[in-house]
């Protein structure tokens, strides 16, 4: 049966993760190169705007993958 002690630990972990993601959203707007790298797609017409930061997504994915690989080896 699921104990309250372990449920509390899981809730605290989710709270920490949500806190960190929120912090990234706050700080992310202040980093000038995010979303403005060569290869990021930005199309603006009369009443239409399309933005897809593909290069930024690739760099963030590679960085997180490398970080998780390094943490897993411990």
PDB file of N, CA and C in Angstrom:
ATOM      1  N   UNK A   1       0.839  -1.181   0.000  1.00  0.00           N
ATOM      2  CA  UNK A   1       0.000   0.000   0.000  1.00  0.00           C
ATOM      3  C   UNK A   1       0.883   1.243   0.000  1.00  0.00           C
ATOM      4  N   UNK A   2       0.380   2.287  -0.601  1.00  0.00           N
ATOM      5  CA  UNK A   2       1.111   3.537  -0.761  1.00  0.00           C
ATOM      6  C   UNK A   2       1.095   4.315   0.554  1.00  0.00           C
ATOM      7  N   UNK A   3       2.263   4.583   1.093  1.00  0.00           N
ATOM      8  CA  UNK A   3       2.351   5.272   2.376  1.00  0.00           C
ATOM      9  C   UNK A   3       2.290   6.786   2.196  1.00  0.00           C
ATOM     10  N   UNK A   4       1.844   7.488   3.217  1.00  0.00           N
ATOM     11  CA  UNK A   4       1.773   8.942   3.147  1.00  0.00           C
ATOM     12  C   UNK A   4       3.152   9.581   3.120  1.00  0.00           C
ATOM     13  N   UNK A   5       4.126   8.932   3.733  1.00  0.00           N
ATOM     14  CA  UNK A   5       5.479   9.459   3.752  1.00  0.00           C
ATOM     15  C   UNK A   5       6.041   9.552   2.336  1.00  0.00           C
ATOM     16  N   UNK A   6       5.882   8.484   1.555  1.00  0.00           N
ATOM     17  CA  UNK A   6       6.398   8.498   0.189  1.00  0.00           C
ATOM     18  C   UNK A   6       5.563   9.418  -0.706  1.00  0.00           C
ATOM     19  N   UNK A   7       4.272   9.536  -0.438  1.00  0.00           N
ATOM     20  CA  UNK A   7       3.430  10.458  -1.203  1.00  0.00           C
ATOM     21  C   UNK A   7       3.862  11.897  -0.957  1.00  0.00           C
ATOM     22  N   UNK A   8       4.221  12.213   0.259  1.00  0.00           N
ATOM     23  CA  UNK A   8       4.706  13.553   0.576  1.00  0.00           C
ATOM     24  C   UNK A   8       6.010  13.866  -0.136  1.00  0.00           C
ATOM     25  N   UNK A   9       6.894  12.886  -0.223  1.00  0.00           N
ATOM     26  CA  UNK A   9       8.164  13.081  -0.927  1.00  0.00           C
ATOM     27  C   UNK A   9       7.934  13.313  -2.417  1.00  0.00           C
ATOM     28  N   UNK A  10       6.993  12.582  -2.998  1.00  0.00           N
ATOM     29  CA  UNK A  10       6.682  12.761  -4.415  1.00  0.00           C
ATOM     30  C   UNK A  10       6.103  14.153  -4.655  1.00  0.00           C
ATOM     31  N   UNK A  11       5.216  14.605  -3.793  1.00  0.00           N
ATOM     32  CA  UNK A  11       4.644  15.948  -3.938  1.00  0.00           C
ATOM     33  C   UNK A  11       5.709  17.033  -3.789  1.00  0.00           C
ATOM     34  N   UNK A  12       6.642  16.842  -2.879  1.00  0.00           N
ATOM     35  CA  UNK A  12       7.726  17.819  -2.717  1.00  0.00           C
ATOM     36  C   UNK A  12       8.617  17.841  -3.959  1.00  0.00           C
ATOM     37  N   UNK A  13       8.876  16.679  -4.542  1.00  0.00           N
ATOM     38  CA  UNK A  13       9.677  16.614  -5.759  1.00  0.00           C
ATOM     39  C   UNK A  13       8.981  17.345  -6.907  1.00  0.00           C
ATOM     40  N   UNK A  14       7.679  17.114  -7.073  1.00  0.00           N
ATOM     41  CA  UNK A  14       6.927  17.821  -8.113  1.00  0.00           C
ATOM     42  C   UNK A  14       6.935  19.326  -7.866  1.00  0.00           C
ATOM     43  N   UNK A  15       6.847  19.744  -6.623  1.00  0.00           N
ATOM     44  CA  UNK A  15       6.900  21.167  -6.299  1.00  0.00           C
ATOM     45  C   UNK A  15       8.239  21.787  -6.668  1.00  0.00           C
ATOM     46  N   UNK A  16       9.313  21.074  -6.415  1.00  0.00           N
ATOM     47  CA  UNK A  16      10.640  21.571  -6.773  1.00  0.00           C
ATOM     48  C   UNK A  16      10.779  21.673  -8.284  1.00  0.00           C
ATOM     49  N   UNK A  17      10.283  20.673  -9.000  1.00  0.00           N
ATOM     50  CA  UNK A  17      10.365  20.692 -10.465  1.00  0.00           C
ATOM     51  C   UNK A  17       9.559  21.860 -11.027  1.00  0.00           C
ATOM     52  N   UNK A  18       8.359  22.086 -10.519  1.00  0.00           N
ATOM     53  CA  UNK A  18       7.528  23.194 -10.989  1.00  0.00           C
ATOM     54  C   UNK A  18       8.201  24.529 -10.675  1.00  0.00           C
ATOM     55  N   UNK A  19       8.829  24.636  -9.513  1.00  0.00           N
ATOM     56  CA  UNK A  19       9.547  25.852  -9.134  1.00  0.00           C
ATOM     57  C   UNK A  19      10.701  26.133 -10.102  1.00  0.00           C
ATOM     58  N   UNK A  20      11.465  25.099 -10.445  1.00  0.00           N
ATOM     59  CA  UNK A  20      12.596  25.270 -11.352  1.00  0.00           C
ATOM     60  C   UNK A  20      12.144  25.640 -12.762  1.00  0.00           C
ATOM     61  N   UNK A  21      11.078  25.016 -13.242  1.00  0.00           N
ATOM     62  CA  UNK A  21      10.566  25.349 -14.570  1.00  0.00           C
ATOM     63  C   UNK A  21      10.043  26.788 -14.589  1.00  0.00           C
ATOM     64  N   UNK A  22       9.379  27.208 -13.539  1.00  0.00           N
ATOM     65  CA  UNK A  22       8.924  28.594 -13.442  1.00  0.00           C
ATOM     66  C   UNK A  22      10.082  29.574 -13.446  1.00  0.00           C
ATOM     67  N   UNK A  23      11.156  29.220 -12.750  1.00  0.00           N
ATOM     68  CA  UNK A  23      12.349  30.065 -12.753  1.00  0.00           C
ATOM     69  C   UNK A  23      12.964  30.168 -14.140  1.00  0.00           C
ATOM     70  N   UNK A  24      12.938  29.071 -14.892  1.00  0.00           N
ATOM     71  CA  UNK A  24      13.444  29.121 -16.266  1.00  0.00           C
ATOM     72  C   UNK A  24      12.609  30.036 -17.142  1.00  0.00           C
ATOM     73  N   UNK A  25      11.301  30.053 -16.937  1.00  0.00           N
ATOM     74  CA  UNK A  25      10.448  30.957 -17.701  1.00  0.00           C
ATOM     75  C   UNK A  25      10.749  32.415 -17.369  1.00  0.00           C
ATOM     76  N   UNK A  26      11.001  32.696 -16.121  1.00  0.00           N
ATOM     77  CA  UNK A  26      11.295  34.072 -15.716  1.00  0.00           C
ATOM     78  C   UNK A  26      12.640  34.516 -16.274  1.00  0.00           C
ATOM     79  N   UNK A  27      13.659  33.671 -16.155  1.00  0.00           N
ATOM     80  CA  UNK A  27      15.005  34.021 -16.608  1.00  0.00           C
ATOM     81  C   UNK A  27      15.116  33.916 -18.126  1.00  0.00           C
ATOM     82  N   UNK A  28      14.343  33.034 -18.742  1.00  0.00           N
ATOM     83  CA  UNK A  28      14.434  32.811 -20.181  1.00  0.00           C
ATOM     84  C   UNK A  28      14.161  34.041 -21.015  1.00  0.00           C
ATOM     85  N   UNK A  29      13.298  34.914 -20.553  1.00  0.00           N
ATOM     86  CA  UNK A  29      13.013  36.135 -21.291  1.00  0.00           C
ATOM     87  C   UNK A  29      14.139  37.149 -21.234  1.00  0.00           C
ATOM     88  N   UNK A  30      15.052  36.987 -20.304  1.00  0.00           N
ATOM     89  CA  UNK A  30      16.149  37.931 -20.145  1.00  0.00           C
ATOM     90  C   UNK A  30      17.433  37.500 -20.837  1.00  0.00           C
ATOM     91  N   UNK A  31      17.444  36.287 -21.385  1.00  0.00           N
ATOM     92  CA  UNK A  31      18.605  35.821 -22.129  1.00  0.00           C
ATOM     93  C   UNK A  31      18.412  36.270 -23.578  1.00  0.00           C
ATOM     94  N   UNK A  32      19.284  37.149 -24.086  1.00  0.00           N
ATOM     95  CA  UNK A  32      19.010  37.799 -25.377  1.00  0.00           C
ATOM     96  C   UNK A  32      19.085  36.882 -26.591  1.00  0.00           C
ATOM     97  N   UNK A  33      19.816  35.775 -26.534  1.00  0.00           N
ATOM     98  CA  UNK A  33      19.987  34.944 -27.720  1.00  0.00           C
ATOM     99  C   UNK A  33      18.939  33.856 -27.863  1.00  0.00           C
ATOM    100  N   UNK A  34      18.133  33.605 -26.834  1.00  0.00           N
ATOM    101  CA  UNK A  34      17.123  32.543 -26.934  1.00  0.00           C
ATOM    102  C   UNK A  34      16.046  32.960 -27.935  1.00  0.00           C
ATOM    103  N   UNK A  35      15.878  32.145 -28.968  1.00  0.00           N
ATOM    104  CA  UNK A  35      14.872  32.413 -29.989  1.00  0.00           C
ATOM    105  C   UNK A  35      15.343  33.326 -31.099  1.00  0.00           C
ATOM    106  N   UNK A  36      16.594  33.750 -31.063  1.00  0.00           N
ATOM    107  CA  UNK A  36      17.098  34.656 -32.093  1.00  0.00           C
ATOM    108  C   UNK A  36      18.376  34.116 -32.732  1.00  0.00           C
ATOM    109  N   UNK A  37      18.532  32.815 -32.731  1.00  0.00           N
ATOM    110  CA  UNK A  37      19.710  32.203 -33.329  1.00  0.00           C
ATOM    111  C   UNK A  37      19.504  32.015 -34.830  1.00  0.00           C
ATOM    112  N   UNK A  38      20.608  31.924 -35.589  1.00  0.00           N
ATOM    113  CA  UNK A  38      20.458  31.586 -37.009  1.00  0.00           C
ATOM    114  C   UNK A  38      19.818  30.203 -37.136  1.00  0.00           C
ATOM    115  N   UNK A  39      18.822  30.092 -37.956  1.00  0.00           N
ATOM    116  CA  UNK A  39      18.110  28.830 -38.117  1.00  0.00           C
ATOM    117  C   UNK A  39      16.747  28.835 -37.450  1.00  0.00           C
ATOM    118  N   UNK A  40      16.498  29.793 -36.576  1.00  0.00           N
ATOM    119  CA  UNK A  40      15.168  29.939 -35.986  1.00  0.00           C
ATOM    120  C   UNK A  40      14.243  30.551 -37.031  1.00  0.00           C
ATOM    121  N   UNK A  41      13.073  29.978 -37.179  1.00  0.00           N
ATOM    122  CA  UNK A  41      12.142  30.398 -38.225  1.00  0.00           C
ATOM    123  C   UNK A  41      11.202  31.459 -37.671  1.00  0.00           C
ATOM    124  N   UNK A  42      11.152  32.596 -38.334  1.00  0.00           N
ATOM    125  CA  UNK A  42      10.267  33.697 -37.942  1.00  0.00           C
ATOM    126  C   UNK A  42       9.681  34.304 -39.208  1.00  0.00           C
ATOM    127  N   UNK A  43       8.370  34.159 -39.399  1.00  0.00           N
ATOM    128  CA  UNK A  43       7.687  34.700 -40.572  1.00  0.00           C
ATOM    129  C   UNK A  43       6.596  35.634 -40.075  1.00  0.00           C
ATOM    130  N   UNK A  44       6.609  36.877 -40.589  1.00  0.00           N
ATOM    131  CA  UNK A  44       5.581  37.842 -40.193  1.00  0.00           C
ATOM    132  C   UNK A  44       4.987  38.452 -41.448  1.00  0.00           C
ATOM    133  N   UNK A  45       3.679  38.296 -41.602  1.00  0.00           N
ATOM    134  CA  UNK A  45       2.943  38.875 -42.726  1.00  0.00           C
ATOM    135  C   UNK A  45       1.925  39.850 -42.152  1.00  0.00           C
ATOM    136  N   UNK A  46       0.937  40.228 -42.903  1.00  0.00           N
ATOM    137  CA  UNK A  46      -0.040  41.237 -42.477  1.00  0.00           C
ATOM    138  C   UNK A  46      -0.670  40.908 -41.122  1.00  0.00           C
ATOM    139  N   UNK A  47      -1.489  39.889 -41.079  1.00  0.00           N
ATOM    140  CA  UNK A  47      -2.170  39.501 -39.841  1.00  0.00           C
ATOM    141  C   UNK A  47      -1.724  38.128 -39.359  1.00  0.00           C
ATOM    142  N   UNK A  48      -0.522  37.720 -39.723  1.00  0.00           N
ATOM    143  CA  UNK A  48      -0.072  36.363 -39.440  1.00  0.00           C
ATOM    144  C   UNK A  48       1.380  36.399 -38.977  1.00  0.00           C
ATOM    145  N   UNK A  49       1.651  35.725 -37.886  1.00  0.00           N
ATOM    146  CA  UNK A  49       3.019  35.586 -37.404  1.00  0.00           C
ATOM    147  C   UNK A  49       3.261  34.124 -37.063  1.00  0.00           C
ATOM    148  N   UNK A  50       4.359  33.580 -37.579  1.00  0.00           N
ATOM    149  CA  UNK A  50       4.749  32.203 -37.297  1.00  0.00           C
ATOM    150  C   UNK A  50       6.172  32.232 -36.769  1.00  0.00           C
ATOM    151  N   UNK A  51       6.378  31.580 -35.620  1.00  0.00           N
ATOM    152  CA  UNK A  51       7.697  31.551 -35.001  1.00  0.00           C
ATOM    153  C   UNK A  51       7.969  30.147 -34.510  1.00  0.00           C
ATOM    154  N   UNK A  52       9.079  29.572 -34.969  1.00  0.00           N
ATOM    155  CA  UNK A  52       9.490  28.253 -34.512  1.00  0.00           C
ATOM    156  C   UNK A  52      10.993  28.262 -34.290  1.00  0.00           C
ATOM    157  N   UNK A  53      11.437  28.283 -33.041  1.00  0.00           N
ATOM    158  CA  UNK A  53      12.871  28.365 -32.749  1.00  0.00           C
ATOM    159  C   UNK A  53      13.552  26.993 -32.815  1.00  0.00           C
ATOM    160  N   UNK A  54      13.727  26.469 -34.017  1.00  0.00           N
ATOM    161  CA  UNK A  54      14.248  25.104 -34.165  1.00  0.00           C
ATOM    162  C   UNK A  54      15.688  24.983 -33.696  1.00  0.00           C
ATOM    163  N   UNK A  55      16.535  25.960 -33.999  1.00  0.00           N
ATOM    164  CA  UNK A  55      17.936  25.888 -33.570  1.00  0.00           C
ATOM    165  C   UNK A  55      18.031  25.977 -32.047  1.00  0.00           C
ATOM    166  N   UNK A  56      17.246  26.843 -31.455  1.00  0.00           N
ATOM    167  CA  UNK A  56      17.236  26.962 -29.999  1.00  0.00           C
ATOM    168  C   UNK A  56      16.768  25.659 -29.363  1.00  0.00           C
ATOM    169  N   UNK A  57      15.747  25.028 -29.936  1.00  0.00           N
ATOM    170  CA  UNK A  57      15.249  23.746 -29.412  1.00  0.00           C
ATOM    171  C   UNK A  57      16.324  22.667 -29.486  1.00  0.00           C
ATOM    172  N   UNK A  58      17.059  22.631 -30.590  1.00  0.00           N
ATOM    173  CA  UNK A  58      18.109  21.621 -30.744  1.00  0.00           C
ATOM    174  C   UNK A  58      19.218  21.837 -29.724  1.00  0.00           C
ATOM    175  N   UNK A  59      19.634  23.079 -29.522  1.00  0.00           N
ATOM    176  CA  UNK A  59      20.705  23.372 -28.561  1.00  0.00           C
ATOM    177  C   UNK A  59      20.266  23.034 -27.141  1.00  0.00           C
ATOM    178  N   UNK A  60      19.045  23.373 -26.774  1.00  0.00           N
ATOM    179  CA  UNK A  60      18.543  23.060 -25.436  1.00  0.00           C
ATOM    180  C   UNK A  60      18.437  21.546 -25.258  1.00  0.00           C
ATOM    181  N   UNK A  61      17.979  20.837 -26.290  1.00  0.00           N
ATOM    182  CA  UNK A  61      17.872  19.379 -26.215  1.00  0.00           C
ATOM    183  C   UNK A  61      19.237  18.726 -26.046  1.00  0.00           C
ATOM    184  N   UNK A  62      20.223  19.172 -26.815  1.00  0.00           N
ATOM    185  CA  UNK A  62      21.567  18.616 -26.688  1.00  0.00           C
ATOM    186  C   UNK A  62      22.164  18.895 -25.312  1.00  0.00           C
ATOM    187  N   UNK A  63      21.953  20.100 -24.800  1.00  0.00           N
ATOM    188  CA  UNK A  63      22.481  20.461 -23.487  1.00  0.00           C
ATOM    189  C   UNK A  63      21.853  19.614 -22.390  1.00  0.00           C
ATOM    190  N   UNK A  64      20.537  19.463 -22.417  1.00  0.00           N
ATOM    191  CA  UNK A  64      19.862  18.648 -21.406  1.00  0.00           C
ATOM    192  C   UNK A  64      20.247  17.180 -21.523  1.00  0.00           C
ATOM    193  N   UNK A  65      20.407  16.683 -22.754  1.00  0.00           N
ATOM    194  CA  UNK A  65      20.824  15.284 -22.927  1.00  0.00           C
ATOM    195  C   UNK A  65      22.216  15.056 -22.357  1.00  0.00           C
ATOM    196  N   UNK A  66      23.128  15.968 -22.628  1.00  0.00           N
ATOM    197  CA  UNK A  66      24.488  15.843 -22.097  1.00  0.00           C
ATOM    198  C   UNK A  66      24.492  15.904 -20.574  1.00  0.00           C
ATOM    199  N   UNK A  67      23.698  16.805 -20.022  1.00  0.00           N
ATOM    200  CA  UNK A  67      23.603  16.932 -18.569  1.00  0.00           C
ATOM    201  C   UNK A  67      23.049  15.661 -17.933  1.00  0.00           C
ATOM    202  N   UNK A  68      22.009  15.095 -18.521  1.00  0.00           N
ATOM    203  CA  UNK A  68      21.426  13.876 -17.970  1.00  0.00           C
ATOM    204  C   UNK A  68      22.357  12.681 -18.128  1.00  0.00           C
ATOM    205  N   UNK A  69      23.113  12.622 -19.213  1.00  0.00           N
ATOM    206  CA  UNK A  69      24.099  11.543 -19.382  1.00  0.00           C
ATOM    207  C   UNK A  69      25.171  11.636 -18.308  1.00  0.00           C
ATOM    208  N   UNK A  70      25.647  12.859 -18.052  1.00  0.00           N
ATOM    209  CA  UNK A  70      26.673  13.038 -17.039  1.00  0.00           C
ATOM    210  C   UNK A  70      26.164  12.710 -15.626  1.00  0.00           C
ATOM    211  N   UNK A  71      24.910  13.064 -15.340  1.00  0.00           N
ATOM    212  CA  UNK A  71      24.341  12.775 -14.027  1.00  0.00           C
ATOM    213  C   UNK A  71      24.064  11.283 -13.847  1.00  0.00           C
ATOM    214  N   UNK A  72      23.751  10.591 -14.922  1.00  0.00           N
ATOM    215  CA  UNK A  72      23.435   9.175 -14.840  1.00  0.00           C
ATOM    216  C   UNK A  72      24.681   8.336 -14.548  1.00  0.00           C
ATOM    217  N   UNK A  73      25.844   8.796 -14.974  1.00  0.00           N
ATOM    218  CA  UNK A  73      27.080   8.039 -14.776  1.00  0.00           C
ATOM    219  C   UNK A  73      27.558   8.020 -13.350  1.00  0.00           C
ATOM    220  N   UNK A  74      27.046   8.861 -12.500  1.00  0.00           N
ATOM    221  CA  UNK A  74      27.476   8.908 -11.102  1.00  0.00           C
ATOM    222  C   UNK A  74      27.103   7.703 -10.379  1.00  0.00           C
TER     223      UNK A  74
END
